[in-house]
Amino acid sequence: MGNSTGGDTGSDDAAKESQKRRIQMELLILDSDTRKLTTEKTTLDAELRKLRQDGERIRLNLDSKKKRYDIVVREIASKEEDTKHLKKKLNTL
């Protein structure tokens, strides 16, 4: 019986070593996957920050263009009114 118990212990040790190697391999894979995802997260953070900044610049530019557009529309209306007034004056002469 002593020999079979000793044999079982040896196979138990081998099974434990095999299990340890498998777990260590899984840990290495998980660590690698985590590093890849962390790198991707950092890249995405930078891209999102840039897009937010671009969005803010676009919003400011849009506001500026809208204000200029409104000024140009008013100036056109004013010039058309002046033109109409001068044509009337010309026709009365």
Protein backbone atom coordinates (compact mmCIF):
# COMPACT_ATOMS: atom_id res chain seq x y z
CA MET A 1 0.00 0.00 0.00
CA GLY A 2 2.90 2.35 0.75
CA ASN A 3 4.07 2.20 -2.83
CA SER A 4 0.67 3.06 -4.28
CA THR A 5 0.31 6.00 -1.88
CA GLY A 6 3.74 7.22 -2.87
CA GLY A 7 2.75 6.91 -6.51
CA ASP A 8 -0.43 8.85 -5.89
CA THR A 9 1.54 11.59 -4.21
CA GLY A 10 3.84 11.78 -7.20
CA SER A 11 0.94 12.00 -9.61
CA ASP A 12 -0.76 14.55 -7.31
CA ASP A 13 2.41 16.64 -7.40
CA ALA A 14 2.58 16.35 -11.17
CA ALA A 15 -1.09 17.32 -11.46
CA LYS A 16 -0.51 20.32 -9.18
CA GLU A 17 2.53 21.40 -11.22
CA SER A 18 0.53 21.06 -14.41
CA GLN A 19 -2.29 23.10 -12.90
CA LYS A 20 0.20 25.73 -11.68
CA ARG A 21 1.72 26.03 -15.18
CA ARG A 22 -1.75 26.34 -16.74
CA ILE A 23 -2.74 29.05 -14.25
CA GLN A 24 0.56 30.89 -14.79
CA MET A 25 -0.02 30.75 -18.54
CA GLU A 26 -3.54 32.15 -18.09
CA LEU A 27 -2.12 34.92 -15.88
CA LEU A 28 0.43 35.82 -18.56
CA ILE A 29 -2.28 35.94 -21.22
CA LEU A 30 -4.55 38.06 -19.00
CA ASP A 31 -1.67 40.40 -18.20
CA SER A 32 -0.86 40.78 -21.89
CA ASP A 33 -4.52 41.39 -22.77
CA THR A 34 -4.79 43.95 -19.96
CA ARG A 35 -1.68 45.81 -21.19
CA LYS A 36 -3.08 45.90 -24.74
CA LEU A 37 -6.43 47.21 -23.50
CA THR A 38 -4.70 49.80 -21.29
CA THR A 39 -2.73 51.03 -24.29
CA GLU A 40 -5.94 51.22 -26.34
CA LYS A 41 -7.68 53.09 -23.49
CA THR A 42 -4.85 55.63 -23.38
CA THR A 43 -5.06 56.11 -27.15
CA LEU A 44 -8.84 56.48 -27.02
CA ASP A 45 -8.58 59.00 -24.15
CA ALA A 46 -6.22 61.12 -26.24
CA GLU A 47 -8.47 60.86 -29.33
CA LEU A 48 -11.57 61.79 -27.32
CA ARG A 49 -9.80 64.78 -25.76
CA LYS A 50 -8.70 65.95 -29.23
CA LEU A 51 -12.21 65.51 -30.65
CA ARG A 52 -13.70 67.46 -27.73
CA GLN A 53 -11.20 70.27 -28.36
CA ASP A 54 -11.96 70.16 -32.09
CA GLY A 55 -15.66 70.26 -31.29
CA GLU A 56 -15.17 73.33 -29.09
CA ARG A 57 -13.15 75.05 -31.83
CA ILE A 58 -15.86 74.20 -34.37
CA ARG A 59 -18.57 75.53 -32.04
CA LEU A 60 -16.67 78.79 -31.53
CA ASN A 61 -16.05 79.12 -35.27
CA LEU A 62 -19.71 78.40 -35.98
CA ASP A 63 -20.80 81.08 -33.51
CA SER A 64 -18.41 83.56 -35.09
CA LYS A 65 -19.64 82.76 -38.61
CA LYS A 66 -23.30 83.06 -37.52
CA LYS A 67 -22.61 86.51 -36.07
CA ARG A 68 -20.81 87.60 -39.23
CA TYR A 69 -23.64 86.16 -41.35
CA ASP A 70 -26.21 88.19 -39.39
CA ILE A 71 -24.12 91.36 -39.84
CA VAL A 72 -23.78 90.74 -43.60
CA VAL A 73 -27.53 90.12 -43.96
CA ARG A 74 -28.26 93.42 -42.15
CA GLU A 75 -25.73 95.27 -44.31
CA ILE A 76 -27.27 93.83 -47.48
CA ALA A 77 -30.73 94.95 -46.34
CA SER A 78 -29.34 98.41 -45.55
CA LYS A 79 -27.60 98.69 -48.93
CA GLU A 80 -30.77 97.55 -50.72
CA GLU A 81 -32.76 100.19 -48.81
CA ASP A 82 -30.18 102.87 -49.71
CA THR A 83 -30.28 101.73 -53.37
CA LYS A 84 -34.07 101.91 -53.41
CA HIS A 85 -34.01 105.39 -51.83
CA LEU A 86 -31.45 106.71 -54.32
CA LYS A 87 -33.37 105.26 -57.31
CA LYS A 88 -36.51 107.04 -56.07
CA LYS A 89 -34.56 110.27 -55.73
CA LEU A 90 -33.10 109.81 -59.22
CA ASN A 91 -36.57 109.23 -60.71
CA THR A 92 -37.88 112.42 -59.14
CA LEU A 93 -35.19 114.51 -60.84
